[in-house]
Amino acid sequence: MWTQKNTSEDLLFSTKEVSEIEIVLYHGVLAVIITCGVVGNILVITVVKRTHSMHTTTNFLLVNLACSDLIILLWRIPFFFIHSLRNPSKKVNVFACKFMFIVTATMAVVCVLTLTLLSIERYHALLKPMQIRRRLTKSSSLYAVAAVWGFSITIVVPIFNNSTYLADKDRCSLEWNKNNLLITIIVFGVVVIVFPFCEMCFCYFRIIYGMYCAKNVCKGTGLASEEDERSRRKISCGLLTVTLMFAVCFIPFGVCSVLYQLEIVGIRAYALVALLFYGSSCLNPINYACQSSNYRQAFKHWLHPPSETTETVV
């Protein structure tokens, strides 16, 4: 059996390595991140749902990303209360041990795979627009989203089944030997990190090369075509920004989680990258608003609806 110190940065509540001021600051920053992230992602989901012109495959995938971000942030709230208890019961500790990491890990996989789908969809839309069969449609995107969730849950199930709580040591434990643990880390890393991010890098490299070097992407004639070209460039740049932000926030968190369980890094480093990871779920709506005029107009239309009964075209 391989025993880990704990699967959550909430060791800040019990560890003697940090001061009370650090604990207060940590949870204060986390509270701000959760509040802003929840409001922003709910706004994204709402405006896409209520704005018919935004019912596109790209926006459906962005809504799926917003849903996973929302669950990550909302799921963190109960553990404020669980770990604020002085002596939580064994059942509470078992629940925290099994579900805190499992739900977060599942949503992280959903985020990675959704971003991969977005990069592939943009690649085919911009570089292979005539190959219609390879592109997602509104109906097929729903099946793709369902497949993402199904695969994400499946790949995390072994961790759920093998995690337990040791009352005598007050810590979570994975009932695996070191060989099985190493195999799991390698498989999980390749499937969730290496392969998806290699796919994203390939797709966005080809898109950027086509737009700025070969100049055979988003080209057209006439004023309407130029406007369409600018719109497509903004969409591609926005999706690339989302991917880069997630990579910067997620990869350090994944690596540091493993190093922390192996006791190579300390609690402060782990808590810092955990904040970075939660922060990525807060930044996406801000990026949409900055990069997309459609999102900005939809936000304004939803927050300040016109008094006329006629529908505003977005």
Protein backbone atom coordinates (compact mmCIF):
# COMPACT_ATOMS: atom_id res chain seq x y z
CA MET A 1 0.00 0.00 0.00
CA TRP A 2 1.27 3.45 -0.90
CA THR A 3 0.24 6.17 1.51
CA GLN A 4 -0.01 9.82 0.62
CA LYS A 5 0.04 12.75 3.02
CA ASN A 6 -3.31 14.08 1.79
CA THR A 7 -4.94 14.76 -1.55
CA SER A 8 -5.91 18.32 -0.76
CA GLU A 9 -4.17 21.59 -0.08
CA ASP A 10 -6.42 21.77 3.00
CA LEU A 11 -3.50 20.42 4.98
CA LEU A 12 -3.03 24.12 5.60
CA PHE A 13 -5.62 23.68 8.32
CA SER A 14 -3.60 21.09 10.19
CA THR A 15 0.02 21.55 9.27
CA LYS A 16 2.42 23.36 11.58
CA GLU A 17 4.54 24.52 8.65
CA VAL A 18 2.44 27.62 8.00
CA SER A 19 1.14 30.46 10.14
CA GLU A 20 -2.46 31.48 10.74
CA ILE A 21 -1.91 34.61 8.65
CA GLU A 22 -0.92 32.47 5.66
CA ILE A 23 -4.02 30.33 6.16
CA VAL A 24 -6.27 33.40 6.23
CA LEU A 25 -4.60 34.94 3.16
CA TYR A 26 -4.79 31.65 1.26
CA HIS A 27 -8.49 31.19 1.87
CA GLY A 28 -9.20 34.87 1.26
CA VAL A 29 -7.63 34.71 -2.21
CA LEU A 30 -9.39 31.40 -2.87
CA ALA A 31 -12.74 32.91 -1.88
CA VAL A 32 -12.24 35.79 -4.34
CA ILE A 33 -11.29 33.34 -7.11
CA ILE A 34 -14.33 31.15 -6.45
CA THR A 35 -16.74 34.10 -6.33
CA CYS A 36 -15.48 35.70 -9.54
CA GLY A 37 -15.22 32.35 -11.32
CA VAL A 38 -18.72 31.22 -10.40
CA VAL A 39 -20.28 34.52 -11.51
CA GLY A 40 -18.27 34.62 -14.75
CA ASN A 41 -18.94 31.04 -15.81
CA ILE A 42 -22.65 31.28 -15.02
CA LEU A 43 -22.75 34.41 -17.17
CA VAL A 44 -21.06 32.59 -20.06
CA ILE A 45 -23.51 29.68 -19.88
CA THR A 46 -26.49 32.03 -19.64
CA VAL A 47 -25.61 34.31 -22.55
CA VAL A 48 -24.89 31.39 -24.89
CA LYS A 49 -28.16 29.72 -23.91
CA ARG A 50 -30.24 32.89 -24.40
CA THR A 51 -28.52 34.20 -27.55
CA HIS A 52 -29.60 32.15 -30.55
CA SER A 53 -26.86 33.50 -32.81
CA MET A 54 -24.25 32.06 -30.44
CA HIS A 55 -25.54 28.49 -30.78
CA THR A 56 -22.43 27.26 -32.60
CA THR A 57 -20.23 24.21 -32.09
CA THR A 58 -17.39 26.35 -30.75
CA ASN A 59 -19.64 28.02 -28.18
CA PHE A 60 -21.19 24.68 -27.18
CA LEU A 61 -17.70 23.41 -26.39
CA LEU A 62 -16.91 26.63 -24.51
CA VAL A 63 -20.09 26.12 -22.47
CA ASN A 64 -18.90 22.61 -21.65
CA LEU A 65 -15.59 24.11 -20.51
CA ALA A 66 -17.49 26.66 -18.41
CA CYS A 67 -19.57 23.88 -16.82
CA SER A 68 -16.47 21.93 -15.79
CA ASP A 69 -14.86 25.12 -14.42
CA LEU A 70 -18.06 25.89 -12.51
CA ILE A 71 -18.13 22.44 -10.92
CA ILE A 72 -14.47 22.73 -9.91
CA LEU A 73 -15.15 26.01 -8.14
CA LEU A 74 -18.48 25.07 -6.56
CA TRP A 75 -17.16 21.70 -5.42
CA ARG A 76 -14.45 23.47 -3.47
CA ILE A 77 -16.97 25.33 -1.28
CA PRO A 78 -18.13 22.40 0.96
CA PHE A 79 -14.54 21.68 1.91
CA PHE A 80 -14.22 25.10 3.47
CA PHE A 81 -16.66 23.83 6.09
CA ILE A 82 -15.44 20.24 6.29
CA HIS A 83 -11.85 21.21 7.02
CA SER A 84 -12.83 24.01 9.37
CA LEU A 85 -14.09 21.35 11.78
CA ARG A 86 -11.73 20.60 14.63
CA ASN A 87 -12.39 16.86 14.74
CA PRO A 88 -14.49 15.74 11.78
CA SER A 89 -15.97 12.24 11.96
CA LYS A 90 -14.45 9.32 10.10
CA LYS A 91 -17.30 9.34 7.56
CA VAL A 92 -16.66 12.99 6.80
CA ASN A 93 -12.94 12.29 6.32
CA VAL A 94 -13.68 9.32 4.05
CA PHE A 95 -16.00 11.48 1.97
CA ALA A 96 -13.41 14.26 1.70
CA CYS A 97 -10.66 11.78 0.86
CA LYS A 98 -12.56 10.06 -1.93
CA PHE A 99 -14.53 12.88 -3.50
CA MET A 100 -12.44 16.05 -3.22
CA PHE A 101 -9.66 14.85 -5.48
CA ILE A 102 -11.84 12.62 -7.68
CA VAL A 103 -14.29 15.33 -8.76
CA THR A 104 -11.51 17.86 -9.29
CA ALA A 105 -9.47 15.36 -11.33
CA THR A 106 -12.48 14.42 -13.45
CA MET A 107 -13.27 18.05 -14.23
CA ALA A 108 -9.62 18.71 -15.08
CA VAL A 109 -9.70 15.86 -17.60
CA VAL A 110 -12.94 17.27 -19.05
CA CYS A 111 -11.20 20.65 -19.46
CA VAL A 112 -8.20 19.13 -21.21
CA LEU A 113 -10.27 17.04 -23.63
CA THR A 114 -12.65 19.93 -24.37
CA LEU A 115 -9.72 22.19 -25.22
CA THR A 116 -8.37 19.43 -27.46
CA LEU A 117 -11.71 19.21 -29.28
CA LEU A 118 -11.73 22.99 -29.69
CA SER A 119 -8.27 22.97 -31.28
CA ILE A 120 -9.23 20.16 -33.68
CA GLU A 121 -12.50 21.90 -34.59
CA ARG A 122 -10.66 25.17 -35.37
CA TYR A 123 -8.01 23.26 -37.34
CA HIS A 124 -10.58 21.65 -39.62
CA ALA A 125 -12.70 24.81 -39.88
CA LEU A 126 -9.78 27.00 -40.98
CA LEU A 127 -7.42 24.67 -42.83
CA LYS A 128 -9.81 22.04 -44.20
CA PRO A 129 -13.12 23.86 -44.59
CA MET A 130 -14.23 21.71 -47.52
CA GLN A 131 -13.96 18.45 -45.58
CA ILE A 132 -17.37 18.78 -43.98
CA ARG A 133 -17.47 15.22 -42.63
CA ARG A 134 -14.55 15.87 -40.30
CA ARG A 135 -16.14 18.92 -38.68
CA LEU A 136 -18.41 18.91 -35.68
CA THR A 137 -22.05 19.88 -36.13
CA LYS A 138 -24.47 21.09 -33.46
CA SER A 139 -25.83 17.58 -32.99
CA SER A 140 -22.50 15.74 -33.19
CA SER A 141 -20.94 18.17 -30.70
CA LEU A 142 -23.40 16.91 -28.06
CA TYR A 143 -22.21 13.34 -28.65
CA ALA A 144 -18.60 14.55 -28.47
CA VAL A 145 -19.28 16.27 -25.14
CA ALA A 146 -20.97 13.12 -23.78
CA ALA A 147 -17.93 11.06 -24.86
CA VAL A 148 -15.59 13.50 -23.11
CA TRP A 149 -17.49 13.18 -19.83
CA GLY A 150 -17.77 9.42 -20.10
CA PHE A 151 -14.06 8.98 -20.79
CA SER A 152 -13.09 11.42 -18.03
CA ILE A 153 -15.14 9.57 -15.42
CA THR A 154 -13.84 6.19 -16.58
CA ILE A 155 -10.16 7.11 -16.40
CA VAL A 156 -10.51 8.47 -12.84
CA VAL A 157 -12.58 5.56 -11.46
CA PRO A 158 -9.51 3.42 -10.52
CA ILE A 159 -8.23 6.22 -8.28
CA PHE A 160 -11.64 6.44 -6.62
CA ASN A 161 -11.81 2.70 -6.04
CA ASN A 162 -8.34 2.50 -4.54
CA SER A 163 -8.42 5.55 -2.30
CA THR A 164 -9.25 5.21 1.38
CA TYR A 165 -8.87 7.05 4.66
CA LEU A 166 -6.56 5.83 7.44
CA ALA A 167 -7.93 7.07 10.75
CA ASP A 168 -4.84 6.12 12.75
CA LYS A 169 -2.60 8.22 10.51
CA ASP A 170 -5.22 10.87 9.64
CA ARG A 171 -4.42 10.80 5.95
CA CYS A 172 -5.63 9.49 2.60
CA SER A 173 -4.16 6.32 1.17
CA LEU A 174 -3.98 4.71 -2.25
CA GLU A 175 -4.00 0.92 -1.99
CA TRP A 176 -1.42 0.39 -4.72
CA ASN A 177 2.14 -0.79 -4.68
CA LYS A 178 4.79 1.49 -6.13
CA ASN A 179 4.88 -0.29 -9.51
CA ASN A 180 1.13 0.08 -10.04
CA LEU A 181 1.32 3.68 -8.88
CA LEU A 182 4.12 4.45 -11.36
CA ILE A 183 2.18 2.82 -14.20
CA THR A 184 -0.91 4.82 -13.29
CA ILE A 185 1.00 8.11 -13.22
CA ILE A 186 2.61 7.38 -16.61
CA VAL A 187 -0.65 6.33 -18.29
CA PHE A 188 -2.57 9.24 -16.79
CA GLY A 189 0.17 11.69 -17.76
CA VAL A 190 0.37 10.48 -21.36
CA VAL A 191 -3.41 10.30 -21.89
CA VAL A 192 -4.33 13.52 -20.07
CA ILE A 193 -1.29 15.76 -20.53
CA VAL A 194 1.23 14.68 -23.18
CA PHE A 195 -1.04 13.54 -26.02
CA PRO A 196 -3.72 16.27 -25.71
CA PHE A 197 -1.22 19.11 -25.48
CA CYS A 198 0.82 17.74 -28.39
CA GLU A 199 -2.40 17.65 -30.42
CA MET A 200 -3.23 21.23 -29.42
CA CYS A 201 0.28 22.45 -30.26
CA PHE A 202 0.10 20.83 -33.69
CA CYS A 203 -3.32 22.30 -34.51
CA TYR A 204 -2.55 25.83 -33.34
CA PHE A 205 0.92 25.82 -34.93
CA ARG A 206 -0.66 24.95 -38.28
CA ILE A 207 -3.32 27.63 -37.81
CA ILE A 208 -0.82 30.34 -36.85
CA TYR A 209 1.52 29.33 -39.68
CA GLY A 210 -1.37 29.47 -42.14
CA MET A 211 -2.57 32.87 -40.92
CA TYR A 212 0.73 34.72 -40.60
CA CYS A 213 3.33 32.84 -42.71
CA ALA A 214 1.68 30.95 -45.56
CA LYS A 215 -1.27 33.41 -45.42
CA ASN A 216 -3.66 30.83 -46.82
CA VAL A 217 -6.10 30.89 -43.90
CA CYS A 218 -9.01 33.31 -43.41
CA LYS A 219 -8.38 35.01 -46.74
CA GLY A 220 -11.11 36.50 -48.86
CA THR A 221 -12.12 39.48 -50.94
CA GLY A 222 -14.49 42.30 -50.19
CA LEU A 223 -15.44 44.16 -47.04
CA ALA A 224 -17.59 41.32 -45.67
CA SER A 225 -14.78 38.83 -46.18
CA GLU A 226 -12.29 41.09 -44.40
CA GLU A 227 -14.66 41.42 -41.44
CA ASP A 228 -15.13 37.64 -41.40
CA GLU A 229 -11.36 37.18 -41.53
CA ARG A 230 -10.84 39.43 -38.51
CA SER A 231 -13.57 37.58 -36.62
CA ARG A 232 -11.98 34.20 -37.30
CA ARG A 233 -8.57 35.48 -36.27
CA LYS A 234 -9.99 36.73 -32.97
CA ILE A 235 -11.73 33.41 -32.32
CA SER A 236 -8.53 31.47 -32.98
CA CYS A 237 -6.43 33.81 -30.84
CA GLY A 238 -8.99 33.63 -28.05
CA LEU A 239 -9.01 29.83 -28.05
CA LEU A 240 -5.21 29.77 -28.14
CA THR A 241 -5.12 32.11 -25.13
CA VAL A 242 -7.52 29.84 -23.20
CA THR A 243 -5.35 26.83 -24.01
CA LEU A 244 -2.13 28.56 -22.97
CA MET A 245 -3.68 29.80 -19.71
CA PHE A 246 -4.90 26.32 -18.86
CA ALA A 247 -1.51 24.78 -19.69
CA VAL A 248 0.31 27.33 -17.51
CA CYS A 249 -2.10 26.65 -14.64
CA PHE A 250 -2.76 22.92 -15.00
CA ILE A 251 0.62 21.39 -15.85
CA PRO A 252 2.44 22.85 -12.78
CA PHE A 253 -0.47 21.68 -10.61
CA GLY A 254 -0.28 18.13 -11.97
CA VAL A 255 3.49 17.92 -11.65
CA CYS A 256 3.56 19.50 -8.20
CA SER A 257 0.80 17.17 -6.97
CA VAL A 258 2.97 14.16 -7.74
CA LEU A 259 6.08 15.77 -6.24
CA TYR A 260 4.14 16.75 -3.13
CA GLN A 261 2.90 13.22 -2.57
CA LEU A 262 6.49 12.02 -2.92
CA GLU A 263 7.47 14.66 -0.33
CA ILE A 264 9.83 16.42 -2.73
CA VAL A 265 8.08 19.80 -2.49
CA GLY A 266 6.45 21.42 0.52
CA ILE A 267 2.94 22.58 1.37
CA ARG A 268 3.54 26.19 0.33
CA ALA A 269 4.52 25.25 -3.23
CA TYR A 270 1.55 22.91 -3.50
CA ALA A 271 -0.89 25.51 -2.17
CA LEU A 272 0.46 28.10 -4.63
CA VAL A 273 -0.03 25.93 -7.72
CA ALA A 274 -3.45 24.90 -6.38
CA LEU A 275 -4.46 28.57 -6.38
CA LEU A 276 -3.08 28.81 -9.91
CA PHE A 277 -5.20 25.85 -10.97
CA TYR A 278 -8.39 27.29 -9.46
CA GLY A 279 -7.51 30.64 -10.99
CA SER A 280 -7.63 29.18 -14.51
CA SER A 281 -11.33 28.40 -13.97
CA CYS A 282 -11.87 32.08 -13.13
CA LEU A 283 -9.92 33.61 -16.03
CA ASN A 284 -11.72 32.00 -18.99
CA PRO A 285 -14.85 34.22 -18.93
CA ILE A 286 -12.59 37.29 -18.74
CA ASN A 287 -10.71 36.05 -21.81
CA TYR A 288 -13.96 35.51 -23.75
CA ALA A 289 -15.05 39.07 -22.98
CA CYS A 290 -11.68 40.51 -24.04
CA GLN A 291 -11.31 38.50 -27.25
CA SER A 292 -14.84 38.21 -28.60
CA SER A 293 -17.08 41.15 -29.50
CA ASN A 294 -20.03 38.74 -29.68
CA TYR A 295 -19.55 37.80 -26.05
CA ARG A 296 -19.18 41.43 -25.00
CA GLN A 297 -22.37 42.41 -26.79
CA ALA A 298 -24.21 39.39 -25.41
CA PHE A 299 -23.05 40.22 -21.88
CA LYS A 300 -24.28 43.81 -22.25
CA HIS A 301 -27.56 42.69 -23.81
CA TRP A 302 -28.24 40.24 -20.99
CA LEU A 303 -27.22 42.58 -18.17
CA HIS A 304 -28.99 45.62 -19.68
CA PRO A 305 -31.80 44.36 -21.94
CA PRO A 306 -33.34 46.97 -24.26
CA SER A 307 -36.73 48.32 -23.33
CA GLU A 308 -38.11 47.56 -26.78
CA THR A 309 -39.90 44.31 -27.34
CA THR A 310 -38.01 43.64 -30.54
CA GLU A 311 -35.06 41.27 -30.34
CA THR A 312 -31.59 42.73 -30.69
CA VAL A 313 -29.41 40.92 -33.23
CA VAL A 314 -26.01 39.94 -31.77
